[in-house]
């Protein structure tokens, strides 16, 4: 019996950013969405969304370090 736990796509991206002066910061972003794990379009959409969120957070951090 399938309770729906297998009907989702989950992705996660992580990056370690060098902040200089021997400091670094780790950022991780992930998301889970209900759907068919065999659906490549769903995977691509989720990867693009998580990647965009990670890039936005990196840009926010870079902006804060520039000031």
N, C-alpha and C. Protein backbone atom coordinates (compact mmCIF):
# COMPACT_ATOMS: atom_id res chain seq x y z
N UNK A 1 0.84 -1.19 0.00
CA UNK A 1 0.00 0.00 0.00
C UNK A 1 0.88 1.25 0.00
N UNK A 2 0.63 2.15 -0.92
CA UNK A 2 1.42 3.38 -1.06
C UNK A 2 0.68 4.52 -0.41
N UNK A 3 1.31 5.17 0.56
CA UNK A 3 0.64 6.27 1.26
C UNK A 3 1.00 7.63 0.66
N UNK A 4 1.63 7.64 -0.54
CA UNK A 4 1.94 8.90 -1.20
C UNK A 4 3.32 9.44 -0.89
N UNK A 5 4.05 8.77 -0.02
CA UNK A 5 5.37 9.24 0.35
C UNK A 5 6.35 9.19 -0.82
N UNK A 6 6.11 8.31 -1.78
CA UNK A 6 7.01 8.17 -2.92
C UNK A 6 6.66 9.11 -4.06
N UNK A 7 5.60 9.87 -3.93
CA UNK A 7 5.12 10.73 -5.01
C UNK A 7 5.55 12.17 -4.79
N UNK A 8 6.86 12.36 -4.69
CA UNK A 8 7.37 13.71 -4.55
C UNK A 8 8.77 13.79 -5.14
N UNK A 9 9.18 15.01 -5.40
CA UNK A 9 10.53 15.30 -5.88
C UNK A 9 11.16 16.21 -4.85
N UNK A 10 12.38 15.87 -4.45
CA UNK A 10 13.10 16.66 -3.45
C UNK A 10 14.49 16.95 -3.99
N UNK A 11 14.90 18.23 -3.94
CA UNK A 11 16.24 18.62 -4.38
C UNK A 11 16.89 19.47 -3.29
N UNK A 12 18.20 19.47 -3.29
CA UNK A 12 18.95 20.25 -2.32
C UNK A 12 20.28 20.66 -2.96
N UNK A 13 20.66 21.92 -2.75
CA UNK A 13 21.92 22.46 -3.25
C UNK A 13 22.63 23.11 -2.08
N UNK A 14 23.93 22.95 -2.02
CA UNK A 14 24.71 23.61 -0.99
C UNK A 14 25.96 24.22 -1.59
N UNK A 15 26.42 25.27 -0.98
CA UNK A 15 27.64 25.93 -1.43
C UNK A 15 28.36 26.51 -0.22
N UNK A 16 29.67 26.42 -0.24
CA UNK A 16 30.48 27.06 0.79
C UNK A 16 31.14 28.27 0.16
N UNK A 17 30.92 29.43 0.75
CA UNK A 17 31.44 30.69 0.22
C UNK A 17 32.60 31.17 1.08
N UNK A 18 33.71 31.47 0.43
CA UNK A 18 34.87 32.03 1.11
C UNK A 18 34.59 33.50 1.37
N UNK A 19 34.66 33.90 2.63
CA UNK A 19 34.41 35.29 3.01
C UNK A 19 35.71 36.07 3.17
N UNK A 20 36.83 35.41 3.00
CA UNK A 20 38.12 36.05 3.19
C UNK A 20 38.53 35.98 4.65
N UNK A 21 39.77 36.34 4.90
CA UNK A 21 40.30 36.37 6.26
C UNK A 21 40.06 35.05 6.99
N UNK A 22 40.23 33.93 6.24
CA UNK A 22 40.08 32.58 6.79
C UNK A 22 38.67 32.29 7.33
N UNK A 23 37.69 32.96 6.81
CA UNK A 23 36.30 32.71 7.19
C UNK A 23 35.52 32.20 5.99
N UNK A 24 34.57 31.35 6.26
CA UNK A 24 33.69 30.86 5.21
C UNK A 24 32.30 30.69 5.78
N UNK A 25 31.34 30.53 4.86
CA UNK A 25 29.96 30.38 5.26
C UNK A 25 29.32 29.33 4.36
N UNK A 26 28.53 28.48 4.94
CA UNK A 26 27.85 27.42 4.20
C UNK A 26 26.38 27.80 4.02
N UNK A 27 25.92 27.74 2.78
CA UNK A 27 24.50 27.98 2.47
C UNK A 27 23.92 26.71 1.87
N UNK A 28 22.77 26.32 2.35
CA UNK A 28 22.05 25.18 1.80
C UNK A 28 20.63 25.61 1.50
N UNK A 29 20.11 25.14 0.37
CA UNK A 29 18.72 25.41 0.02
C UNK A 29 18.12 24.12 -0.53
N UNK A 30 16.88 23.87 -0.18
CA UNK A 30 16.22 22.67 -0.65
C UNK A 30 14.72 22.88 -0.73
N UNK A 31 14.09 22.00 -1.48
CA UNK A 31 12.64 22.08 -1.61
C UNK A 31 12.10 20.70 -1.97
N UNK A 32 10.86 20.49 -1.61
CA UNK A 32 10.17 19.24 -1.90
C UNK A 32 8.80 19.60 -2.49
N UNK A 33 8.43 18.89 -3.52
CA UNK A 33 7.14 19.15 -4.15
C UNK A 33 6.48 17.81 -4.51
N UNK A 34 5.18 17.77 -4.36
CA UNK A 34 4.43 16.57 -4.72
C UNK A 34 4.43 16.42 -6.23
N UNK A 35 4.60 15.22 -6.69
CA UNK A 35 4.56 14.96 -8.12
C UNK A 35 5.25 13.66 -8.47
N UNK A 36 5.28 13.36 -9.73
CA UNK A 36 5.85 12.12 -10.24
C UNK A 36 7.38 12.24 -10.33
N UNK A 37 8.13 11.43 -9.60
CA UNK A 37 9.59 11.49 -9.65
C UNK A 37 10.18 11.18 -11.03
N UNK A 38 9.38 10.65 -11.92
CA UNK A 38 9.85 10.37 -13.28
C UNK A 38 9.65 11.56 -14.22
N UNK A 39 9.05 12.64 -13.72
CA UNK A 39 8.74 13.82 -14.54
C UNK A 39 9.95 14.76 -14.58
N UNK A 40 10.69 14.72 -15.69
CA UNK A 40 11.90 15.55 -15.83
C UNK A 40 11.59 17.04 -15.76
N UNK A 41 10.43 17.45 -16.25
CA UNK A 41 10.06 18.86 -16.21
C UNK A 41 9.91 19.33 -14.76
N UNK A 42 9.35 18.48 -13.92
CA UNK A 42 9.18 18.81 -12.50
C UNK A 42 10.55 18.94 -11.84
N UNK A 43 11.45 18.01 -12.12
CA UNK A 43 12.81 18.09 -11.57
C UNK A 43 13.49 19.39 -12.00
N UNK A 44 13.42 19.70 -13.29
CA UNK A 44 14.07 20.91 -13.81
C UNK A 44 13.51 22.16 -13.16
N UNK A 45 12.20 22.22 -13.01
CA UNK A 45 11.56 23.38 -12.38
C UNK A 45 12.05 23.54 -10.94
N UNK A 46 12.09 22.44 -10.22
CA UNK A 46 12.51 22.51 -8.82
C UNK A 46 13.98 22.89 -8.70
N UNK A 47 14.85 22.30 -9.54
CA UNK A 47 16.27 22.68 -9.52
C UNK A 47 16.44 24.16 -9.83
N UNK A 48 15.74 24.66 -10.83
CA UNK A 48 15.84 26.08 -11.19
C UNK A 48 15.39 26.98 -10.05
N UNK A 49 14.31 26.60 -9.39
CA UNK A 49 13.78 27.40 -8.28
C UNK A 49 14.77 27.44 -7.11
N UNK A 50 15.27 26.29 -6.72
CA UNK A 50 16.21 26.23 -5.59
C UNK A 50 17.50 26.95 -5.94
N UNK A 51 17.99 26.77 -7.15
CA UNK A 51 19.21 27.45 -7.59
C UNK A 51 19.03 28.96 -7.57
N UNK A 52 17.89 29.45 -8.04
CA UNK A 52 17.61 30.90 -8.05
C UNK A 52 17.57 31.45 -6.63
N UNK A 53 16.99 30.70 -5.70
CA UNK A 53 16.94 31.15 -4.31
C UNK A 53 18.35 31.22 -3.70
N UNK A 54 19.18 30.24 -4.01
CA UNK A 54 20.54 30.23 -3.50
C UNK A 54 21.34 31.40 -4.08
N UNK A 55 21.19 31.64 -5.37
CA UNK A 55 21.88 32.76 -6.02
C UNK A 55 21.42 34.10 -5.43
N UNK A 56 20.13 34.24 -5.16
CA UNK A 56 19.61 35.48 -4.57
C UNK A 56 20.20 35.70 -3.18
N UNK A 57 20.31 34.64 -2.39
CA UNK A 57 20.88 34.76 -1.05
C UNK A 57 22.37 35.10 -1.14
N UNK A 58 23.09 34.51 -2.08
CA UNK A 58 24.50 34.85 -2.25
C UNK A 58 24.67 36.31 -2.66
N UNK A 59 23.81 36.81 -3.54
CA UNK A 59 23.87 38.20 -3.96
C UNK A 59 23.59 39.12 -2.77
N UNK A 60 22.65 38.74 -1.93
CA UNK A 60 22.32 39.52 -0.72
C UNK A 60 23.52 39.57 0.22
N UNK A 61 24.19 38.45 0.37
CA UNK A 61 25.37 38.40 1.24
C UNK A 61 26.50 39.24 0.65
N UNK A 62 26.72 39.12 -0.66
CA UNK A 62 27.77 39.90 -1.32
C UNK A 62 27.50 41.39 -1.19
N UNK A 63 26.24 41.77 -1.33
CA UNK A 63 25.86 43.18 -1.19
C UNK A 63 26.16 43.67 0.22
N UNK A 64 25.89 42.87 1.22
CA UNK A 64 26.15 43.22 2.61
C UNK A 64 27.63 43.32 2.91
N UNK A 65 28.44 42.48 2.25
CA UNK A 65 29.89 42.52 2.45
C UNK A 65 30.55 43.67 1.71
N UNK A 66 29.86 44.21 0.69
CA UNK A 66 30.44 45.29 -0.11
C UNK A 66 30.34 46.62 0.63
N UNK A 67 29.42 46.74 1.57
CA UNK A 67 29.17 48.01 2.21
C UNK A 67 29.94 48.29 3.41
